[in-house]
Amino acid sequence: MSDATQASGLTPEDPVSFDEPVTLRALRAAGAFHPPQSYRYMKGAASYVISRRTTWPMGAQ
């Protein structure tokens, strides 16, 4: 993400599990669904910053 000018993240609240798996085909048939193009696990300072909804310079870890 060093070349990114913008980034975003989601924090699910109260997620639920389905009794049966939902296929990608079913999700796409239900509407405009596009799976994420990338993801990143964060830990340490980056995780804390995101959890506090604070910004930091791009490229900082």
N, C-alpha and C. Protein backbone atom coordinates (compact mmCIF):
# COMPACT_ATOMS: atom_id res chain seq x y z
N MET A 1 0.81 -1.20 0.00
CA MET A 1 0.00 0.00 0.00
C MET A 1 0.86 1.26 0.00
N SER A 2 2.12 1.14 -0.26
CA SER A 2 2.98 2.31 -0.22
C SER A 2 2.61 3.33 -1.28
N ASP A 3 1.96 2.91 -2.37
CA ASP A 3 1.55 3.84 -3.42
C ASP A 3 0.10 4.30 -3.27
N ALA A 4 -0.58 3.84 -2.24
CA ALA A 4 -2.00 4.18 -2.05
C ALA A 4 -2.15 5.63 -1.61
N THR A 5 -3.16 6.27 -2.13
CA THR A 5 -3.49 7.62 -1.69
C THR A 5 -4.67 7.60 -0.72
N GLN A 6 -5.34 6.46 -0.65
CA GLN A 6 -6.49 6.33 0.24
C GLN A 6 -6.63 4.87 0.64
N ALA A 7 -7.05 4.63 1.86
CA ALA A 7 -7.28 3.27 2.35
C ALA A 7 -8.49 3.27 3.25
N SER A 8 -9.11 2.12 3.41
CA SER A 8 -10.26 2.01 4.31
C SER A 8 -10.28 0.64 4.94
N GLY A 9 -11.03 0.52 6.00
CA GLY A 9 -11.16 -0.76 6.69
C GLY A 9 -12.53 -0.89 7.30
N LEU A 10 -12.90 -2.10 7.61
CA LEU A 10 -14.19 -2.39 8.21
C LEU A 10 -13.98 -3.18 9.49
N THR A 11 -14.81 -2.91 10.47
CA THR A 11 -14.82 -3.69 11.70
C THR A 11 -16.22 -4.24 11.88
N PRO A 12 -16.43 -5.52 11.59
CA PRO A 12 -17.77 -6.10 11.75
C PRO A 12 -18.19 -6.11 13.22
N GLU A 13 -19.42 -5.77 13.46
CA GLU A 13 -19.97 -5.82 14.81
C GLU A 13 -21.06 -6.89 14.83
N ASP A 14 -21.00 -7.77 15.79
CA ASP A 14 -21.98 -8.85 15.95
C ASP A 14 -22.14 -9.70 14.70
N PRO A 15 -21.04 -10.25 14.17
CA PRO A 15 -21.17 -11.10 12.98
C PRO A 15 -21.96 -12.37 13.30
N VAL A 16 -22.62 -12.91 12.30
CA VAL A 16 -23.38 -14.15 12.47
C VAL A 16 -22.86 -15.18 11.48
N SER A 17 -23.00 -16.44 11.83
CA SER A 17 -22.62 -17.53 10.94
C SER A 17 -23.87 -18.10 10.29
N PHE A 18 -23.77 -18.43 9.02
CA PHE A 18 -24.87 -19.07 8.31
C PHE A 18 -24.81 -20.57 8.55
N ASP A 19 -25.97 -21.21 8.54
CA ASP A 19 -26.01 -22.66 8.69
C ASP A 19 -25.34 -23.36 7.52
N GLU A 20 -25.50 -22.80 6.33
CA GLU A 20 -24.90 -23.34 5.11
C GLU A 20 -23.99 -22.28 4.49
N PRO A 21 -22.86 -22.68 3.94
CA PRO A 21 -21.99 -21.70 3.28
C PRO A 21 -22.70 -21.02 2.11
N VAL A 22 -22.38 -19.76 1.88
CA VAL A 22 -22.93 -19.02 0.75
C VAL A 22 -21.84 -18.96 -0.32
N THR A 23 -22.17 -19.41 -1.51
CA THR A 23 -21.18 -19.45 -2.58
C THR A 23 -20.95 -18.07 -3.19
N LEU A 24 -19.81 -17.90 -3.79
CA LEU A 24 -19.51 -16.65 -4.50
C LEU A 24 -20.52 -16.45 -5.63
N ARG A 25 -20.90 -17.51 -6.30
CA ARG A 25 -21.90 -17.43 -7.37
C ARG A 25 -23.22 -16.86 -6.83
N ALA A 26 -23.65 -17.34 -5.66
CA ALA A 26 -24.90 -16.84 -5.07
C ALA A 26 -24.79 -15.37 -4.68
N LEU A 27 -23.65 -14.97 -4.15
CA LEU A 27 -23.46 -13.56 -3.79
C LEU A 27 -23.51 -12.67 -5.03
N ARG A 28 -22.86 -13.11 -6.09
CA ARG A 28 -22.87 -12.31 -7.33
C ARG A 28 -24.25 -12.26 -7.94
N ALA A 29 -25.02 -13.34 -7.85
CA ALA A 29 -26.37 -13.38 -8.41
C ALA A 29 -27.31 -12.46 -7.63
N ALA A 30 -27.02 -12.23 -6.37
CA ALA A 30 -27.88 -11.40 -5.52
C ALA A 30 -27.70 -9.91 -5.76
N GLY A 31 -26.64 -9.50 -6.45
CA GLY A 31 -26.42 -8.08 -6.69
C GLY A 31 -24.98 -7.81 -7.08
N ALA A 32 -24.61 -6.57 -7.04
CA ALA A 32 -23.25 -6.16 -7.42
C ALA A 32 -22.30 -6.49 -6.27
N PHE A 33 -21.71 -7.65 -6.32
CA PHE A 33 -20.78 -8.08 -5.28
C PHE A 33 -19.41 -8.28 -5.88
N HIS A 34 -18.40 -7.71 -5.26
CA HIS A 34 -17.02 -7.88 -5.70
C HIS A 34 -16.18 -8.18 -4.46
N PRO A 35 -15.54 -9.34 -4.40
CA PRO A 35 -14.70 -9.66 -3.24
C PRO A 35 -13.54 -8.67 -3.13
N PRO A 36 -13.00 -8.51 -1.94
CA PRO A 36 -11.87 -7.59 -1.77
C PRO A 36 -10.70 -7.97 -2.66
N GLN A 37 -9.98 -6.98 -3.12
CA GLN A 37 -8.84 -7.22 -3.99
C GLN A 37 -7.57 -7.51 -3.18
N SER A 38 -7.56 -7.07 -1.93
CA SER A 38 -6.40 -7.33 -1.08
C SER A 38 -6.80 -7.12 0.37
N TYR A 39 -5.95 -7.56 1.25
CA TYR A 39 -6.17 -7.36 2.67
C TYR A 39 -4.82 -7.35 3.36
N ARG A 40 -4.83 -6.91 4.60
CA ARG A 40 -3.59 -6.87 5.35
C ARG A 40 -3.90 -7.08 6.82
N TYR A 41 -3.20 -8.00 7.44
CA TYR A 41 -3.31 -8.16 8.88
C TYR A 41 -2.47 -7.07 9.53
N MET A 42 -3.02 -6.44 10.54
CA MET A 42 -2.27 -5.39 11.22
C MET A 42 -2.08 -5.76 12.68
N LYS A 43 -0.95 -5.38 13.21
CA LYS A 43 -0.71 -5.58 14.62
C LYS A 43 0.11 -4.42 15.14
N GLY A 44 0.25 -4.36 16.42
CA GLY A 44 1.05 -3.31 17.02
C GLY A 44 0.42 -1.94 16.86
N ALA A 45 1.24 -0.95 16.58
CA ALA A 45 0.80 0.44 16.52
C ALA A 45 -0.25 0.66 15.44
N ALA A 46 -0.10 0.02 14.28
CA ALA A 46 -1.07 0.21 13.20
C ALA A 46 -2.45 -0.25 13.62
N SER A 47 -2.53 -1.38 14.29
CA SER A 47 -3.81 -1.89 14.77
C SER A 47 -4.44 -0.93 15.78
N TYR A 48 -3.64 -0.41 16.67
CA TYR A 48 -4.13 0.53 17.68
C TYR A 48 -4.65 1.80 17.01
N VAL A 49 -3.91 2.32 16.06
CA VAL A 49 -4.32 3.55 15.38
C VAL A 49 -5.66 3.35 14.68
N ILE A 50 -5.81 2.24 13.97
CA ILE A 50 -7.06 1.97 13.27
C ILE A 50 -8.21 1.84 14.27
N SER A 51 -7.97 1.14 15.36
CA SER A 51 -9.04 0.93 16.34
C SER A 51 -9.48 2.25 16.97
N ARG A 52 -8.61 3.22 17.01
CA ARG A 52 -8.94 4.54 17.59
C ARG A 52 -9.43 5.51 16.53
N ARG A 53 -9.52 5.06 15.27
CA ARG A 53 -9.98 5.88 14.15
C ARG A 53 -9.15 7.17 14.04
N THR A 54 -7.86 6.99 14.11
CA THR A 54 -6.91 8.09 14.01
C THR A 54 -6.08 7.87 12.75
N THR A 55 -5.61 8.92 12.15
CA THR A 55 -4.81 8.78 10.94
C THR A 55 -3.33 8.81 11.28
N TRP A 56 -2.53 8.25 10.41
CA TRP A 56 -1.09 8.29 10.52
C TRP A 56 -0.52 8.41 9.13
N PRO A 57 0.73 8.85 8.99
CA PRO A 57 1.32 9.02 7.66
C PRO A 57 1.34 7.71 6.90
N MET A 58 1.05 7.77 5.61
CA MET A 58 1.07 6.58 4.77
C MET A 58 2.47 5.96 4.83
N GLY A 59 2.52 4.66 4.90
CA GLY A 59 3.78 3.95 4.93
C GLY A 59 4.27 3.70 6.34
N ALA A 60 3.71 4.36 7.34
CA ALA A 60 4.13 4.11 8.72
C ALA A 60 3.61 2.76 9.18
N GLN A 61 4.37 2.08 9.99
CA GLN A 61 3.98 0.76 10.49
C GLN A 61 3.53 0.85 11.93
